[in-house]
Amino acid sequence: MAHWHAEHGSLLFSKNIRTSLGITKINSGIIETLLKTPENFWYYNNGVTVLCDGLTFNRCM
């Protein structure tokens, strides 16, 4: 991910696809968190999710 950020900078995060998906199961969950447990919103909905088959850590700096 560090390499992606080095290559693409803030463009990596500039488009939030959730805005174009409408009311989905995920977006309904986000709304439910805001309404029922807003104190957990930051923990549940702030981050980057990467799906992969494996993960290797390399020191980038």
PDB file of N, CA and C in Angstrom:
ATOM      1  N   MET A   1       0.822  -1.191   0.000  1.00  0.00           N
ATOM      2  CA  MET A   1       0.000   0.000   0.000  1.00  0.00           C
ATOM      3  C   MET A   1       0.862   1.249   0.000  1.00  0.00           C
ATOM      4  N   ALA A   2       2.011   1.180   0.658  1.00  0.00           N
ATOM      5  CA  ALA A   2       2.898   2.347   0.669  1.00  0.00           C
ATOM      6  C   ALA A   2       3.343   2.695  -0.744  1.00  0.00           C
ATOM      7  N   HIS A   3       3.593   1.671  -1.543  1.00  0.00           N
ATOM      8  CA  HIS A   3       3.995   1.915  -2.927  1.00  0.00           C
ATOM      9  C   HIS A   3       2.847   2.514  -3.732  1.00  0.00           C
ATOM     10  N   TRP A   4       1.621   2.018  -3.491  1.00  0.00           N
ATOM     11  CA  TRP A   4       0.457   2.602  -4.163  1.00  0.00           C
ATOM     12  C   TRP A   4       0.352   4.075  -3.824  1.00  0.00           C
ATOM     13  N   HIS A   5       0.537   4.403  -2.530  1.00  0.00           N
ATOM     14  CA  HIS A   5       0.424   5.803  -2.107  1.00  0.00           C
ATOM     15  C   HIS A   5       1.539   6.637  -2.704  1.00  0.00           C
ATOM     16  N   ALA A   6       2.746   6.092  -2.752  1.00  0.00           N
ATOM     17  CA  ALA A   6       3.867   6.825  -3.344  1.00  0.00           C
ATOM     18  C   ALA A   6       3.605   7.106  -4.824  1.00  0.00           C
ATOM     19  N   GLU A   7       2.986   6.163  -5.505  1.00  0.00           N
ATOM     20  CA  GLU A   7       2.724   6.319  -6.933  1.00  0.00           C
ATOM     21  C   GLU A   7       1.512   7.197  -7.214  1.00  0.00           C
ATOM     22  N   HIS A   8       0.458   7.065  -6.421  1.00  0.00           N
ATOM     23  CA  HIS A   8      -0.802   7.744  -6.723  1.00  0.00           C
ATOM     24  C   HIS A   8      -1.159   8.881  -5.769  1.00  0.00           C
ATOM     25  N   GLY A   9      -0.488   8.987  -4.640  1.00  0.00           N
ATOM     26  CA  GLY A   9      -0.755  10.062  -3.689  1.00  0.00           C
ATOM     27  C   GLY A   9      -2.194  10.090  -3.224  1.00  0.00           C
ATOM     28  N   SER A  10      -2.729  11.280  -3.053  1.00  0.00           N
ATOM     29  CA  SER A  10      -4.088  11.424  -2.530  1.00  0.00           C
ATOM     30  C   SER A  10      -5.161  10.933  -3.511  1.00  0.00           C
ATOM     31  N   LEU A  11      -4.805  10.744  -4.777  1.00  0.00           N
ATOM     32  CA  LEU A  11      -5.770  10.200  -5.731  1.00  0.00           C
ATOM     33  C   LEU A  11      -6.237   8.808  -5.327  1.00  0.00           C
ATOM     34  N   LEU A  12      -5.393   8.111  -4.579  1.00  0.00           N
ATOM     35  CA  LEU A  12      -5.753   6.778  -4.108  1.00  0.00           C
ATOM     36  C   LEU A  12      -7.030   6.803  -3.272  1.00  0.00           C
ATOM     37  N   PHE A  13      -7.290   7.913  -2.593  1.00  0.00           N
ATOM     38  CA  PHE A  13      -8.441   8.025  -1.701  1.00  0.00           C
ATOM     39  C   PHE A  13      -9.465   9.041  -2.176  1.00  0.00           C
ATOM     40  N   SER A  14      -9.286   9.620  -3.331  1.00  0.00           N
ATOM     41  CA  SER A  14     -10.121  10.745  -3.743  1.00  0.00           C
ATOM     42  C   SER A  14     -11.526  10.353  -4.168  1.00  0.00           C
ATOM     43  N   LYS A  15     -11.727   9.104  -4.592  1.00  0.00           N
ATOM     44  CA  LYS A  15     -13.056   8.709  -5.058  1.00  0.00           C
ATOM     45  C   LYS A  15     -13.622   7.644  -4.128  1.00  0.00           C
ATOM     46  N   ASN A  16     -14.667   7.990  -3.436  1.00  0.00           N
ATOM     47  CA  ASN A  16     -15.321   7.046  -2.545  1.00  0.00           C
ATOM     48  C   ASN A  16     -16.456   6.391  -3.325  1.00  0.00           C
ATOM     49  N   ILE A  17     -16.286   5.128  -3.716  1.00  0.00           N
ATOM     50  CA  ILE A  17     -17.283   4.491  -4.566  1.00  0.00           C
ATOM     51  C   ILE A  17     -18.619   4.309  -3.877  1.00  0.00           C
ATOM     52  N   ARG A  18     -18.655   4.404  -2.566  1.00  0.00           N
ATOM     53  CA  ARG A  18     -19.931   4.240  -1.867  1.00  0.00           C
ATOM     54  C   ARG A  18     -20.940   5.303  -2.271  1.00  0.00           C
ATOM     55  N   THR A  19     -20.464   6.457  -2.684  1.00  0.00           N
ATOM     56  CA  THR A  19     -21.407   7.503  -3.059  1.00  0.00           C
ATOM     57  C   THR A  19     -22.214   7.123  -4.285  1.00  0.00           C
ATOM     58  N   SER A  20     -21.676   6.232  -5.127  1.00  0.00           N
ATOM     59  CA  SER A  20     -22.405   5.876  -6.344  1.00  0.00           C
ATOM     60  C   SER A  20     -23.140   4.544  -6.234  1.00  0.00           C
ATOM     61  N   LEU A  21     -23.042   3.848  -5.128  1.00  0.00           N
ATOM     62  CA  LEU A  21     -23.661   2.539  -5.007  1.00  0.00           C
ATOM     63  C   LEU A  21     -25.080   2.583  -4.440  1.00  0.00           C
ATOM     64  N   GLY A  22     -25.502   3.704  -3.910  1.00  0.00           N
ATOM     65  CA  GLY A  22     -26.850   3.797  -3.361  1.00  0.00           C
ATOM     66  C   GLY A  22     -26.980   3.053  -2.039  1.00  0.00           C
ATOM     67  N   ILE A  23     -28.197   2.636  -1.728  1.00  0.00           N
ATOM     68  CA  ILE A  23     -28.454   1.943  -0.469  1.00  0.00           C
ATOM     69  C   ILE A  23     -28.123   0.460  -0.654  1.00  0.00           C
ATOM     70  N   THR A  24     -26.946   0.084  -0.195  1.00  0.00           N
ATOM     71  CA  THR A  24     -26.497  -1.303  -0.237  1.00  0.00           C
ATOM     72  C   THR A  24     -26.466  -1.841   1.184  1.00  0.00           C
ATOM     73  N   LYS A  25     -26.177  -3.111   1.329  1.00  0.00           N
ATOM     74  CA  LYS A  25     -26.060  -3.700   2.664  1.00  0.00           C
ATOM     75  C   LYS A  25     -24.975  -2.975   3.471  1.00  0.00           C
ATOM     76  N   ILE A  26     -23.865  -2.667   2.814  1.00  0.00           N
ATOM     77  CA  ILE A  26     -22.766  -1.973   3.490  1.00  0.00           C
ATOM     78  C   ILE A  26     -23.192  -0.572   3.912  1.00  0.00           C
ATOM     79  N   ASN A  27     -23.786   0.176   2.985  1.00  0.00           N
ATOM     80  CA  ASN A  27     -24.213   1.537   3.317  1.00  0.00           C
ATOM     81  C   ASN A  27     -25.300   1.544   4.383  1.00  0.00           C
ATOM     82  N   SER A  28     -26.180   0.550   4.359  1.00  0.00           N
ATOM     83  CA  SER A  28     -27.197   0.440   5.411  1.00  0.00           C
ATOM     84  C   SER A  28     -26.533   0.198   6.766  1.00  0.00           C
ATOM     85  N   GLY A  29     -25.465  -0.603   6.778  1.00  0.00           N
ATOM     86  CA  GLY A  29     -24.723  -0.837   8.013  1.00  0.00           C
ATOM     87  C   GLY A  29     -24.066   0.426   8.534  1.00  0.00           C
ATOM     88  N   ILE A  30     -23.547   1.237   7.624  1.00  0.00           N
ATOM     89  CA  ILE A  30     -22.939   2.515   8.024  1.00  0.00           C
ATOM     90  C   ILE A  30     -23.996   3.415   8.659  1.00  0.00           C
ATOM     91  N   ILE A  31     -25.156   3.501   8.035  1.00  0.00           N
ATOM     92  CA  ILE A  31     -26.250   4.318   8.575  1.00  0.00           C
ATOM     93  C   ILE A  31     -26.687   3.784   9.940  1.00  0.00           C
ATOM     94  N   GLU A  32     -26.788   2.460  10.054  1.00  0.00           N
ATOM     95  CA  GLU A  32     -27.187   1.859  11.330  1.00  0.00           C
ATOM     96  C   GLU A  32     -26.183   2.188  12.435  1.00  0.00           C
ATOM     97  N   THR A  33     -24.904   2.138  12.106  1.00  0.00           N
ATOM     98  CA  THR A  33     -23.876   2.494  13.088  1.00  0.00           C
ATOM     99  C   THR A  33     -24.043   3.942  13.531  1.00  0.00           C
ATOM    100  N   LEU A  34     -24.268   4.837  12.575  1.00  0.00           N
ATOM    101  CA  LEU A  34     -24.448   6.256  12.922  1.00  0.00           C
ATOM    102  C   LEU A  34     -25.647   6.473  13.828  1.00  0.00           C
ATOM    103  N   LEU A  35     -26.733   5.746  13.570  1.00  0.00           N
ATOM    104  CA  LEU A  35     -27.956   5.936  14.350  1.00  0.00           C
ATOM    105  C   LEU A  35     -27.922   5.241  15.706  1.00  0.00           C
ATOM    106  N   LYS A  36     -27.360   4.037  15.767  1.00  0.00           N
ATOM    107  CA  LYS A  36     -27.438   3.235  16.992  1.00  0.00           C
ATOM    108  C   LYS A  36     -26.204   3.322  17.876  1.00  0.00           C
ATOM    109  N   THR A  37     -25.025   3.382  17.270  1.00  0.00           N
ATOM    110  CA  THR A  37     -23.778   3.438  18.061  1.00  0.00           C
ATOM    111  C   THR A  37     -22.786   4.399  17.405  1.00  0.00           C
ATOM    112  N   PRO A  38     -23.121   5.688  17.384  1.00  0.00           N
ATOM    113  CA  PRO A  38     -22.253   6.646  16.699  1.00  0.00           C
ATOM    114  C   PRO A  38     -20.834   6.695  17.259  1.00  0.00           C
ATOM    115  N   GLU A  39     -20.655   6.296  18.507  1.00  0.00           N
ATOM    116  CA  GLU A  39     -19.310   6.291  19.093  1.00  0.00           C
ATOM    117  C   GLU A  39     -18.399   5.262  18.421  1.00  0.00           C
ATOM    118  N   ASN A  40     -18.986   4.289  17.725  1.00  0.00           N
ATOM    119  CA  ASN A  40     -18.199   3.269  17.033  1.00  0.00           C
ATOM    120  C   ASN A  40     -17.955   3.586  15.556  1.00  0.00           C
ATOM    121  N   PHE A  41     -18.551   4.661  15.082  1.00  0.00           N
ATOM    122  CA  PHE A  41     -18.450   4.957  13.647  1.00  0.00           C
ATOM    123  C   PHE A  41     -17.005   5.023  13.180  1.00  0.00           C
ATOM    124  N   TRP A  42     -16.157   5.740  13.876  1.00  0.00           N
ATOM    125  CA  TRP A  42     -14.757   5.905  13.470  1.00  0.00           C
ATOM    126  C   TRP A  42     -14.060   4.551  13.382  1.00  0.00           C
ATOM    127  N   TYR A  43     -14.324   3.670  14.328  1.00  0.00           N
ATOM    128  CA  TYR A  43     -13.662   2.373  14.355  1.00  0.00           C
ATOM    129  C   TYR A  43     -14.129   1.446  13.246  1.00  0.00           C
ATOM    130  N   TYR A  44     -15.397   1.505  12.915  1.00  0.00           N
ATOM    131  CA  TYR A  44     -15.958   0.585  11.928  1.00  0.00           C
ATOM    132  C   TYR A  44     -15.851   1.076  10.487  1.00  0.00           C
ATOM    133  N   ASN A  45     -15.772   2.374  10.283  1.00  0.00           N
ATOM    134  CA  ASN A  45     -15.923   2.919   8.931  1.00  0.00           C
ATOM    135  C   ASN A  45     -14.806   3.849   8.506  1.00  0.00           C
ATOM    136  N   ASN A  46     -13.649   3.732   9.075  1.00  0.00           N
ATOM    137  CA  ASN A  46     -12.543   4.590   8.681  1.00  0.00           C
ATOM    138  C   ASN A  46     -11.339   3.714   8.381  1.00  0.00           C
ATOM    139  N   GLY A  47     -11.087   3.504   7.134  1.00  0.00           N
ATOM    140  CA  GLY A  47      -9.935   2.691   6.787  1.00  0.00           C
ATOM    141  C   GLY A  47      -9.964   2.229   5.353  1.00  0.00           C
ATOM    142  N   VAL A  48      -8.983   1.454   5.031  1.00  0.00           N
ATOM    143  CA  VAL A  48      -8.853   0.891   3.699  1.00  0.00           C
ATOM    144  C   VAL A  48      -8.941  -0.616   3.839  1.00  0.00           C
ATOM    145  N   THR A  49      -9.764  -1.239   3.033  1.00  0.00           N
ATOM    146  CA  THR A  49      -9.885  -2.687   3.042  1.00  0.00           C
ATOM    147  C   THR A  49      -9.219  -3.230   1.788  1.00  0.00           C
ATOM    148  N   VAL A  50      -8.339  -4.190   1.974  1.00  0.00           N
ATOM    149  CA  VAL A  50      -7.655  -4.827   0.852  1.00  0.00           C
ATOM    150  C   VAL A  50      -7.942  -6.317   0.919  1.00  0.00           C
ATOM    151  N   LEU A  51      -8.444  -6.873  -0.164  1.00  0.00           N
ATOM    152  CA  LEU A  51      -8.690  -8.305  -0.243  1.00  0.00           C
ATOM    153  C   LEU A  51      -7.522  -8.943  -0.989  1.00  0.00           C
ATOM    154  N   CYS A  52      -6.955  -9.983  -0.408  1.00  0.00           N
ATOM    155  CA  CYS A  52      -5.799 -10.603  -1.045  1.00  0.00           C
ATOM    156  C   CYS A  52      -5.668 -12.051  -0.597  1.00  0.00           C
ATOM    157  N   ASP A  53      -4.838 -12.800  -1.300  1.00  0.00           N
ATOM    158  CA  ASP A  53      -4.567 -14.186  -0.942  1.00  0.00           C
ATOM    159  C   ASP A  53      -3.389 -14.307   0.014  1.00  0.00           C
ATOM    160  N   GLY A  54      -2.554 -13.289   0.079  1.00  0.00           N
ATOM    161  CA  GLY A  54      -1.386 -13.329   0.950  1.00  0.00           C
ATOM    162  C   GLY A  54      -0.891 -11.926   1.233  1.00  0.00           C
ATOM    163  N   LEU A  55       0.021 -11.830   2.190  1.00  0.00           N
ATOM    164  CA  LEU A  55       0.524 -10.517   2.584  1.00  0.00           C
ATOM    165  C   LEU A  55       1.974 -10.662   3.005  1.00  0.00           C
ATOM    166  N   THR A  56       2.833  -9.793   2.488  1.00  0.00           N
ATOM    167  CA  THR A  56       4.238  -9.768   2.848  1.00  0.00           C
ATOM    168  C   THR A  56       4.578  -8.348   3.282  1.00  0.00           C
ATOM    169  N   PHE A  57       5.214  -8.216   4.424  1.00  0.00           N
ATOM    170  CA  PHE A  57       5.607  -6.905   4.922  1.00  0.00           C
ATOM    171  C   PHE A  57       7.041  -6.628   4.507  1.00  0.00           C
ATOM    172  N   ASN A  58       7.261  -5.480   3.888  1.00  0.00           N
ATOM    173  CA  ASN A  58       8.586  -5.013   3.515  1.00  0.00           C
ATOM    174  C   ASN A  58       8.796  -3.644   4.125  1.00  0.00           C
ATOM    175  N   ARG A  59       9.974  -3.395   4.598  1.00  0.00           N
ATOM    176  CA  ARG A  59      10.280  -2.075   5.149  1.00  0.00           C
ATOM    177  C   ARG A  59      10.431  -1.108   3.989  1.00  0.00           C
ATOM    178  N   CYS A  60       9.613  -0.068   3.949  1.00  0.00           N
ATOM    179  CA  CYS A  60       9.594   0.892   2.834  1.00  0.00           C
ATOM    180  C   CYS A  60      10.493   2.078   3.075  1.00  0.00           C
ATOM    181  N   MET A  61      10.800   2.374   4.296  1.00  0.00           N
ATOM    182  CA  MET A  61      11.571   3.596   4.575  1.00  0.00           C
ATOM    183  C   MET A  61      12.897   3.261   5.194  1.00  0.00           C
TER     184      MET A  61
END
